N, C-alpha and C. Protein backbone atom coordinates (compact mmCIF):
# COMPACT_ATOMS: atom_id res chain seq x y z
N UNK A 1 13.42 13.47 15.45
CA UNK A 1 14.17 12.75 14.28
C UNK A 1 14.46 13.73 13.26
N UNK A 2 15.50 13.64 12.83
CA UNK A 2 16.10 14.46 11.56
C UNK A 2 15.08 13.79 10.47
N UNK A 3 15.27 14.75 9.18
CA UNK A 3 14.71 14.27 8.06
C UNK A 3 15.08 13.29 7.55
N UNK A 4 16.43 13.15 7.56
CA UNK A 4 17.28 11.73 7.25
C UNK A 4 16.93 10.43 7.93
N UNK A 5 16.84 10.75 9.17
CA UNK A 5 16.52 9.35 9.88
C UNK A 5 14.85 9.11 9.41
N UNK A 6 14.18 9.95 9.26
CA UNK A 6 12.65 9.62 8.89
C UNK A 6 12.81 8.97 7.21
N UNK A 7 13.68 9.29 6.48
CA UNK A 7 13.73 8.55 5.20
C UNK A 7 14.46 7.45 5.49
N UNK A 8 15.20 7.16 6.32
CA UNK A 8 15.91 5.93 6.58
C UNK A 8 14.63 5.05 7.10
N UNK A 9 13.92 5.24 8.20
CA UNK A 9 12.78 4.71 8.66
C UNK A 9 11.80 4.20 7.69
N UNK A 10 11.27 5.37 6.83
CA UNK A 10 10.34 4.83 5.83
C UNK A 10 10.92 3.94 4.91
N UNK A 11 12.29 3.93 4.43
CA UNK A 11 13.02 3.13 3.63
C UNK A 11 12.72 1.61 4.09
N UNK A 12 13.11 1.39 5.49
CA UNK A 12 12.96 0.17 6.25
C UNK A 12 11.63 -0.25 6.04
N UNK A 13 10.47 0.60 6.37
CA UNK A 13 9.26 0.11 6.23
C UNK A 13 8.93 -0.32 4.85
N UNK A 14 9.35 0.23 3.88
CA UNK A 14 8.94 -0.08 2.50
C UNK A 14 9.85 -1.57 2.34
N UNK A 15 11.01 -1.73 2.62
CA UNK A 15 11.63 -3.03 2.67
C UNK A 15 10.80 -4.27 3.16
N UNK A 16 10.23 -3.98 4.55
CA UNK A 16 9.74 -5.07 5.38
C UNK A 16 8.35 -5.33 4.62
N UNK A 17 7.60 -4.06 3.98
CA UNK A 17 6.49 -4.46 3.14
C UNK A 17 6.81 -5.23 1.97
N UNK A 18 7.63 -4.81 1.28
CA UNK A 18 8.04 -5.59 -0.10
C UNK A 18 8.22 -7.17 0.39
N UNK A 19 9.02 -7.28 1.33
CA UNK A 19 9.22 -8.68 1.57
C UNK A 19 8.16 -9.32 2.17
N UNK A 20 7.26 -8.87 2.85
CA UNK A 20 6.03 -9.60 2.99
C UNK A 20 4.99 -9.82 1.89
N UNK A 21 5.01 -8.83 0.97
CA UNK A 21 4.29 -9.06 -0.33
C UNK A 21 5.10 -10.21 -1.03
N UNK A 22 6.21 -10.19 -1.07
CA UNK A 22 6.80 -11.32 -1.86
C UNK A 22 6.65 -12.70 -1.28
N UNK A 23 6.55 -12.59 0.01
CA UNK A 23 6.27 -13.97 0.79
C UNK A 23 4.88 -14.64 0.59
N UNK A 24 4.01 -13.49 0.18
CA UNK A 24 2.74 -14.02 -0.09
C UNK A 24 1.88 -13.94 1.30
N UNK A 25 2.42 -13.51 2.47
CA UNK A 25 1.81 -13.28 3.58
C UNK A 25 0.77 -12.28 3.68
N UNK A 26 0.95 -11.12 2.94
CA UNK A 26 0.27 -9.88 2.77
C UNK A 26 -0.32 -9.49 1.60
N UNK A 27 -1.66 -9.27 1.36
CA UNK A 27 -2.16 -8.87 0.08
C UNK A 27 -1.61 -7.64 -0.51
N UNK A 28 -1.54 -7.39 -1.76
CA UNK A 28 -1.15 -6.16 -2.12
C UNK A 28 -1.88 -5.08 -1.63
N UNK A 29 -3.16 -4.85 -1.56
CA UNK A 29 -3.98 -4.00 -1.00
C UNK A 29 -3.57 -3.41 0.44
N UNK A 30 -3.23 -4.68 1.11
CA UNK A 30 -2.71 -4.27 2.63
C UNK A 30 -1.37 -3.66 2.69
N UNK A 31 -0.53 -3.99 1.82
CA UNK A 31 0.81 -3.51 1.52
C UNK A 31 0.70 -2.05 1.28
N UNK A 32 -0.15 -1.72 0.20
CA UNK A 32 -0.51 -0.29 -0.16
C UNK A 32 -0.97 0.34 0.95
N UNK A 33 -1.91 -0.21 1.77
CA UNK A 33 -2.39 0.59 3.10
C UNK A 33 -1.12 0.91 4.08
N UNK A 34 -0.50 -0.21 4.18
CA UNK A 34 0.71 0.11 5.09
C UNK A 34 1.70 1.09 4.58
N UNK A 35 1.89 1.21 3.28
CA UNK A 35 2.89 2.17 2.92
C UNK A 35 2.21 3.59 3.04
N UNK A 36 0.93 3.72 2.79
CA UNK A 36 0.10 5.08 3.04
C UNK A 36 0.23 5.42 4.48
N UNK A 37 0.16 4.35 5.48
CA UNK A 37 0.23 4.70 6.90
C UNK A 37 1.72 5.34 7.09
N UNK A 38 2.55 4.67 6.56
CA UNK A 38 3.97 4.88 6.79
C UNK A 38 4.14 6.40 6.42
N UNK A 39 3.80 6.98 5.11
CA UNK A 39 3.84 8.41 4.74
C UNK A 39 3.16 9.21 5.49
N UNK A 40 1.96 8.60 5.85
CA UNK A 40 1.30 9.73 6.80
C UNK A 40 1.81 10.04 7.99
N UNK A 41 2.55 9.03 8.73
CA UNK A 41 3.24 8.93 10.09
C UNK A 41 4.61 9.61 9.74
N UNK A 42 5.27 9.63 8.72
CA UNK A 42 6.54 10.10 8.42
C UNK A 42 6.53 11.69 7.99
N UNK A 43 5.16 11.86 7.43
CA UNK A 43 5.01 13.13 6.76
C UNK A 43 6.37 13.49 6.10
N UNK A 44 6.57 12.66 5.06
CA UNK A 44 7.90 13.22 4.25
C UNK A 44 7.17 14.14 3.11
N UNK A 45 8.03 14.63 2.17
CA UNK A 45 7.22 15.52 1.19
C UNK A 45 6.47 14.76 0.31
N UNK A 46 6.73 13.51 0.14
CA UNK A 46 5.89 12.78 -0.72
C UNK A 46 4.50 12.42 -0.21
N UNK A 47 4.46 12.82 1.14
CA UNK A 47 2.98 12.61 1.83
C UNK A 47 2.18 13.41 1.33
N UNK A 48 2.42 14.66 0.98
CA UNK A 48 1.65 15.61 0.28
C UNK A 48 0.79 15.07 -1.03
N UNK A 49 1.73 14.34 -1.69
CA UNK A 49 1.15 13.58 -3.09
C UNK A 49 0.43 12.54 -2.57
N UNK A 50 0.62 11.70 -1.69
CA UNK A 50 -0.21 10.62 -1.22
C UNK A 50 -1.51 11.27 -0.70
N UNK A 51 -1.39 12.17 0.30
CA UNK A 51 -2.73 12.85 0.70
C UNK A 51 -3.67 13.25 -0.31
N UNK A 52 -3.14 13.90 -1.39
CA UNK A 52 -3.85 14.48 -2.57
C UNK A 52 -4.49 13.16 -3.30
N UNK A 53 -3.61 12.31 -3.55
CA UNK A 53 -4.23 11.12 -4.30
C UNK A 53 -5.31 10.30 -3.39
N UNK A 54 -5.31 10.39 -2.03
CA UNK A 54 -6.20 9.57 -1.09
C UNK A 54 -7.53 10.32 -1.25
N UNK A 55 -7.42 11.94 -1.19
CA UNK A 55 -8.40 12.70 -1.42
C UNK A 55 -9.32 12.74 -2.66
N UNK A 56 -8.49 12.36 -3.79
CA UNK A 56 -9.04 11.84 -5.06
C UNK A 56 -10.05 10.58 -5.02
N UNK A 57 -9.48 9.62 -4.60
CA UNK A 57 -10.10 8.31 -4.54
C UNK A 57 -11.25 8.52 -3.87
N UNK A 58 -11.08 9.34 -2.42
CA UNK A 58 -12.30 9.35 -1.37
C UNK A 58 -13.50 9.93 -2.17
N UNK A 59 -13.16 11.30 -2.84
CA UNK A 59 -14.02 11.97 -3.45
C UNK A 59 -14.78 11.32 -4.74
N UNK A 60 -13.93 10.41 -5.36
CA UNK A 60 -14.40 9.67 -6.46
C UNK A 60 -15.35 8.62 -6.02
N UNK A 61 -15.12 7.92 -4.81
CA UNK A 61 -16.09 7.09 -4.38
C UNK A 61 -17.21 7.39 -3.44
N UNK A 62 -17.08 8.83 -2.94
CA UNK A 62 -18.23 9.22 -2.28
C UNK A 62 -19.24 9.82 -3.24
């Protein structure tokens, strides 16, 4: 996949997650987890920021 296709796929996933959240079928924390999963899978440049934020949270909790 090219980088453009990855961005398109991630955008599609975000739209689906937003629609699920608006319908009330998915809780916000579940949507956040799905978004994080999407960024980890796509490994877009934003994924590095997400990895950093998750590491901060994990270290704060542990």
